[in-house]
C-alpha cells in the first residue's frame, strides 16, 4: 500500500468531525451551522474511505458517495430556508428561531 497509514486518515477525520461539532455547538448563524455539518460529514466520509481502502472493499466508497448526495440535498434545503428567512427580514439567530411561521 502506498501513502500514509490509515491512522493518519482517521486522525484527520476525527479532527474534521470535532471541528464541525464545535461549530454546530458554538455558533448561532444558520449558515455557519450548515457549513459545520458539512465538515462533520466530510470527516465521516474520510473515515469511510480510509477503512474501505484498508480492507480492500468498495462498500465504504459507495456509502461515502451516498452520503455526499444526501449532504448536497441538505445544503439545498438549508440554503433555501436561510434565503426565505432573510427575504422576510427575520433575524438569522438560531437561538431565537423557535417556530416556523407561514
C-alpha atoms as a PDB file:
ATOM      1  CA  UNK A   1       0.000   0.000   0.000  1.00  0.00           C
ATOM      2  CA  UNK A   2       1.329   3.412  -0.937  1.00  0.00           C
ATOM      3  CA  UNK A   3       0.779   6.565   1.043  1.00  0.00           C
ATOM      4  CA  UNK A   4       0.230   7.242   4.722  1.00  0.00           C
ATOM      5  CA  UNK A   5      -1.064   4.675   7.167  1.00  0.00           C
ATOM      6  CA  UNK A   6      -4.792   4.505   7.981  1.00  0.00           C
ATOM      7  CA  UNK A   7      -4.185   6.081  11.402  1.00  0.00           C
ATOM      8  CA  UNK A   8      -3.327   9.410   9.744  1.00  0.00           C
ATOM      9  CA  UNK A   9      -6.588   9.408   7.819  1.00  0.00           C
ATOM     10  CA  UNK A  10      -8.582   8.520  10.924  1.00  0.00           C
ATOM     11  CA  UNK A  11      -6.830  11.248  12.940  1.00  0.00           C
ATOM     12  CA  UNK A  12      -7.687  13.805  10.253  1.00  0.00           C
ATOM     13  CA  UNK A  13     -11.285  12.542  10.157  1.00  0.00           C
ATOM     14  CA  UNK A  14     -11.554  12.965  13.941  1.00  0.00           C
ATOM     15  CA  UNK A  15     -10.143  16.493  13.724  1.00  0.00           C
ATOM     16  CA  UNK A  16     -12.630  17.403  10.975  1.00  0.00           C
ATOM     17  CA  UNK A  17     -15.551  15.900  12.878  1.00  0.00           C
ATOM     18  CA  UNK A  18     -14.552  17.643  16.129  1.00  0.00           C
ATOM     19  CA  UNK A  19     -14.161  20.983  14.345  1.00  0.00           C
ATOM     20  CA  UNK A  20     -17.592  20.604  12.776  1.00  0.00           C
ATOM     21  CA  UNK A  21     -19.249  19.630  16.039  1.00  0.00           C
ATOM     22  CA  UNK A  22     -17.702  22.622  17.803  1.00  0.00           C
ATOM     23  CA  UNK A  23     -19.034  24.858  15.028  1.00  0.00           C
ATOM     24  CA  UNK A  24     -22.529  23.422  15.462  1.00  0.00           C
ATOM     25  CA  UNK A  25     -22.461  23.812  19.233  1.00  0.00           C
ATOM     26  CA  UNK A  26     -20.865  27.258  19.500  1.00  0.00           C
ATOM     27  CA  UNK A  27     -22.176  29.277  16.547  1.00  0.00           C
ATOM     28  CA  UNK A  28     -25.563  30.951  16.181  1.00  0.00           C
ATOM     29  CA  UNK A  29     -25.653  31.697  12.469  1.00  0.00           C
ATOM     30  CA  UNK A  30     -27.590  29.082  10.493  1.00  0.00           C
ATOM     31  CA  UNK A  31     -25.157  29.369   7.579  1.00  0.00           C
ATOM     32  CA  UNK A  32     -22.155  28.603   9.805  1.00  0.00           C
ATOM     33  CA  UNK A  33     -24.044  25.708  11.389  1.00  0.00           C
ATOM     34  CA  UNK A  34     -24.804  24.335   7.919  1.00  0.00           C
ATOM     35  CA  UNK A  35     -21.144  24.573   6.938  1.00  0.00           C
ATOM     36  CA  UNK A  36     -20.143  22.867  10.193  1.00  0.00           C
ATOM     37  CA  UNK A  37     -22.483  19.962   9.468  1.00  0.00           C
ATOM     38  CA  UNK A  38     -20.845  19.649   6.059  1.00  0.00           C
ATOM     39  CA  UNK A  39     -17.415  19.497   7.712  1.00  0.00           C
ATOM     40  CA  UNK A  40     -18.697  16.740  10.004  1.00  0.00           C
ATOM     41  CA  UNK A  41     -20.000  14.770   7.022  1.00  0.00           C
ATOM     42  CA  UNK A  42     -16.662  15.179   5.242  1.00  0.00           C
ATOM     43  CA  UNK A  43     -14.871  13.771   8.281  1.00  0.00           C
ATOM     44  CA  UNK A  44     -17.203  10.772   8.305  1.00  0.00           C
ATOM     45  CA  UNK A  45     -16.664  10.265   4.571  1.00  0.00           C
ATOM     46  CA  UNK A  46     -12.901  10.348   5.035  1.00  0.00           C
ATOM     47  CA  UNK A  47     -13.134   7.650   7.699  1.00  0.00           C
ATOM     48  CA  UNK A  48     -15.370   5.511   5.468  1.00  0.00           C
ATOM     49  CA  UNK A  49     -12.995   5.772   2.538  1.00  0.00           C
ATOM     50  CA  UNK A  50      -9.952   5.089   4.724  1.00  0.00           C
ATOM     51  CA  UNK A  51     -11.477   1.894   6.089  1.00  0.00           C
ATOM     52  CA  UNK A  52     -12.613   0.853   2.610  1.00  0.00           C
ATOM     53  CA  UNK A  53      -9.055   1.314   1.365  1.00  0.00           C
ATOM     54  CA  UNK A  54      -7.596  -0.564   4.329  1.00  0.00           C
ATOM     55  CA  UNK A  55      -9.801  -3.629   3.957  1.00  0.00           C
ATOM     56  CA  UNK A  56      -9.929  -3.614   0.157  1.00  0.00           C
ATOM     57  CA  UNK A  57     -13.700  -3.325  -0.187  1.00  0.00           C
ATOM     58  CA  UNK A  58     -15.636  -0.754  -2.172  1.00  0.00           C
ATOM     59  CA  UNK A  59     -18.560  -0.652   0.259  1.00  0.00           C
ATOM     60  CA  UNK A  60     -17.237   2.362   2.171  1.00  0.00           C
ATOM     61  CA  UNK A  61     -16.647   4.325  -1.002  1.00  0.00           C
ATOM     62  CA  UNK A  62     -20.150   3.631  -2.285  1.00  0.00           C
ATOM     63  CA  UNK A  63     -21.609   4.655   1.052  1.00  0.00           C
ATOM     64  CA  UNK A  64     -19.499   7.843   1.043  1.00  0.00           C
ATOM     65  CA  UNK A  65     -20.914   8.783  -2.370  1.00  0.00           C
ATOM     66  CA  UNK A  66     -24.430   8.235  -0.997  1.00  0.00           C
ATOM     67  CA  UNK A  67     -23.626  10.472   1.989  1.00  0.00           C
ATOM     68  CA  UNK A  68     -22.367  13.173  -0.397  1.00  0.00           C
ATOM     69  CA  UNK A  69     -25.655  13.048  -2.328  1.00  0.00           C
ATOM     70  CA  UNK A  70     -27.637  13.394   0.899  1.00  0.00           C
ATOM     71  CA  UNK A  71     -25.380  16.263   2.009  1.00  0.00           C
ATOM     72  CA  UNK A  72     -25.990  18.082  -1.273  1.00  0.00           C
ATOM     73  CA  UNK A  73     -29.753  17.851  -0.821  1.00  0.00           C
ATOM     74  CA  UNK A  74     -29.406  19.008   2.791  1.00  0.00           C
ATOM     75  CA  UNK A  75     -27.499  22.086   1.633  1.00  0.00           C
ATOM     76  CA  UNK A  76     -30.181  22.935  -0.921  1.00  0.00           C
ATOM     77  CA  UNK A  77     -32.966  22.761   1.664  1.00  0.00           C
ATOM     78  CA  UNK A  78     -30.948  24.634   4.299  1.00  0.00           C
ATOM     79  CA  UNK A  79     -29.904  27.427   1.987  1.00  0.00           C
ATOM     80  CA  UNK A  80     -33.487  27.724   0.747  1.00  0.00           C
ATOM     81  CA  UNK A  81     -34.676  28.221   4.320  1.00  0.00           C
ATOM     82  CA  UNK A  82     -31.945  30.769   5.016  1.00  0.00           C
ATOM     83  CA  UNK A  83     -32.804  32.748   1.864  1.00  0.00           C
ATOM     84  CA  UNK A  84     -36.522  32.669   2.744  1.00  0.00           C
ATOM     85  CA  UNK A  85     -35.784  33.922   6.259  1.00  0.00           C
ATOM     86  CA  UNK A  86     -33.551  36.727   5.037  1.00  0.00           C
ATOM     87  CA  UNK A  87     -36.145  37.852   2.462  1.00  0.00           C
ATOM     88  CA  UNK A  88     -38.726  38.218   5.224  1.00  0.00           C
ATOM     89  CA  UNK A  89     -36.209  40.232   7.248  1.00  0.00           C
ATOM     90  CA  UNK A  90     -36.198  37.707  10.076  1.00  0.00           C
ATOM     91  CA  UNK A  91     -33.233  37.687  12.388  1.00  0.00           C
ATOM     92  CA  UNK A  92     -30.836  34.877  11.482  1.00  0.00           C
ATOM     93  CA  UNK A  93     -30.142  33.704  15.031  1.00  0.00           C
ATOM     94  CA  UNK A  94     -30.890  30.053  15.778  1.00  0.00           C
ATOM     95  CA  UNK A  95     -31.458  30.777  19.471  1.00  0.00           C
ATOM     96  CA  UNK A  96     -34.410  32.999  18.565  1.00  0.00           C
ATOM     97  CA  UNK A  97     -35.879  30.638  15.955  1.00  0.00           C
ATOM     98  CA  UNK A  98     -38.378  28.515  17.840  1.00  0.00           C
ATOM     99  CA  UNK A  99     -41.219  28.053  15.371  1.00  0.00           C
ATOM    100  CA  UNK A 100     -41.630  28.252  11.630  1.00  0.00           C
ATOM    101  CA  UNK A 101     -44.357  30.713  10.813  1.00  0.00           C
ATOM    102  CA  UNK A 102     -46.011  30.815   7.399  1.00  0.00           C
END
